[in-house]
Amino acid sequence: MSRMSRNKGKVGEREVAALLRAHGFDGARGVQYQGGRDSADVVGLPGFHIEVKRAETFSPYKALEQAVADSGGAATPVVFHRSNARQWIAVMDAGEFLKLVARAA
């Protein structure tokens, strides 16, 4: 991975952490606290394992598979993605999403 790609990833993680903080959560880059290969990219959303993808090309299934594997079943995997000049989106398993909606209803 090139230095530019790593930097873009770090910037993306900081943006997602700031997005969480803007919504009242304690968002922070996960590498600052756990540092392991399988640690979440961003922490601060209780019960969720957050993977951040800041790229023009994006494979949602591949990214979600990585988040599932890295979460180890301990948290609900979710992928935050943004390409240039776009807003952040969240990708997660539809069944998990519907569970959240049912709890909120």
Protein backbone atom coordinates (compact mmCIF):
# COMPACT_ATOMS: atom_id res chain seq x y z
CA MET A 1 0.00 0.00 0.00
CA SER A 2 1.39 3.38 -0.96
CA ARG A 3 2.00 6.20 1.47
CA MET A 4 -0.76 8.21 -0.25
CA SER A 5 -3.27 5.37 0.27
CA ARG A 6 -2.31 5.02 3.94
CA ASN A 7 -2.66 8.76 4.48
CA LYS A 8 -6.04 8.79 2.72
CA GLY A 9 -7.13 5.95 5.01
CA LYS A 10 -6.00 7.81 8.13
CA VAL A 11 -7.81 10.95 7.00
CA GLY A 12 -10.95 8.88 6.38
CA GLU A 13 -10.73 7.37 9.86
CA ARG A 14 -10.40 10.84 11.37
CA GLU A 15 -13.41 12.04 9.37
CA VAL A 16 -15.56 9.13 10.59
CA ALA A 17 -14.42 9.71 14.18
CA ALA A 18 -15.42 13.38 13.81
CA LEU A 19 -18.77 12.33 12.31
CA LEU A 20 -19.44 10.15 15.36
CA ARG A 21 -18.48 12.99 17.71
CA ALA A 22 -20.79 15.37 15.82
CA HIS A 23 -23.62 12.95 16.62
CA GLY A 24 -22.80 12.70 20.33
CA PHE A 25 -20.55 9.60 20.37
CA ASP A 26 -16.95 9.35 21.58
CA GLY A 27 -15.41 8.67 18.17
CA ALA A 28 -11.67 8.04 17.89
CA ARG A 29 -9.33 6.16 15.57
CA GLY A 30 -9.16 2.59 16.80
CA VAL A 31 -5.49 2.17 16.01
CA GLN A 32 -4.75 4.71 18.74
CA TYR A 33 -6.11 2.35 21.38
CA GLN A 34 -5.93 -1.27 20.19
CA GLY A 35 -3.44 -1.13 17.36
CA GLY A 36 -3.97 -4.73 16.34
CA ARG A 37 -4.51 -5.89 12.78
CA ASP A 38 -8.10 -6.91 13.54
CA SER A 39 -9.00 -3.87 15.66
CA ALA A 40 -11.75 -1.55 14.49
CA ASP A 41 -10.65 1.40 12.36
CA VAL A 42 -12.80 3.70 14.50
CA VAL A 43 -14.14 3.15 18.02
CA GLY A 44 -16.84 4.96 19.95
CA LEU A 45 -20.06 3.47 18.61
CA PRO A 46 -20.91 0.87 21.28
CA GLY A 47 -21.75 -2.56 19.93
CA PHE A 48 -20.34 -1.89 16.44
CA HIS A 49 -17.10 -2.84 14.74
CA ILE A 50 -16.36 0.00 12.29
CA GLU A 51 -14.32 -0.51 9.14
CA VAL A 52 -13.53 2.65 7.14
CA LYS A 53 -13.03 2.67 3.38
CA ARG A 54 -12.04 5.96 1.76
CA ALA A 55 -11.66 5.02 -1.89
CA GLU A 56 -13.02 5.66 -5.35
CA THR A 57 -13.46 1.96 -6.10
CA PHE A 58 -15.41 0.07 -3.47
CA SER A 59 -16.57 -3.50 -3.12
CA PRO A 60 -19.24 -3.47 -0.38
CA TYR A 61 -19.30 -7.26 -0.02
CA LYS A 62 -15.52 -7.53 0.27
CA ALA A 63 -15.39 -4.67 2.80
CA LEU A 64 -18.23 -6.14 4.85
CA GLU A 65 -16.58 -9.57 4.81
CA GLN A 66 -13.43 -7.96 6.23
CA ALA A 67 -15.45 -6.20 8.94
CA VAL A 68 -17.23 -9.46 9.84
CA ALA A 69 -13.94 -11.37 10.05
CA ASP A 70 -12.23 -8.64 12.07
CA SER A 71 -15.14 -8.24 14.50
CA GLY A 72 -14.84 -11.84 15.63
CA GLY A 73 -18.58 -11.88 16.32
CA ALA A 74 -18.11 -9.55 19.29
CA ALA A 75 -19.84 -6.57 17.67
CA THR A 76 -22.08 -5.73 14.72
CA PRO A 77 -19.86 -5.05 11.69
CA VAL A 78 -20.48 -1.85 9.75
CA VAL A 79 -18.47 -0.28 6.93
CA PHE A 80 -18.30 3.47 6.46
CA HIS A 81 -17.41 4.46 2.89
CA ARG A 82 -16.83 7.72 1.08
CA SER A 83 -15.43 8.54 -2.33
CA ASN A 84 -14.21 11.97 -3.41
CA ALA A 85 -16.80 14.75 -3.18
CA ARG A 86 -19.42 12.40 -1.68
CA GLN A 87 -21.03 12.00 1.72
CA TRP A 88 -20.26 9.11 4.08
CA ILE A 89 -22.47 6.05 3.76
CA ALA A 90 -22.79 3.04 6.05
CA VAL A 91 -22.99 -0.54 4.77
CA MET A 92 -24.16 -3.41 6.94
CA ASP A 93 -25.99 -6.72 6.78
CA ALA A 94 -29.69 -6.12 6.06
CA GLY A 95 -30.77 -8.51 8.84
CA GLU A 96 -28.71 -6.58 11.39
CA PHE A 97 -30.12 -3.30 10.10
CA LEU A 98 -33.69 -4.58 10.50
CA LYS A 99 -32.92 -5.67 14.07
CA LEU A 100 -31.86 -2.10 14.82
CA VAL A 101 -35.02 -0.70 13.26
CA ALA A 102 -37.18 -3.13 15.25
CA ARG A 103 -35.48 -2.08 18.51
CA ALA A 104 -35.97 1.61 17.67
CA ALA A 105 -39.65 1.19 16.77
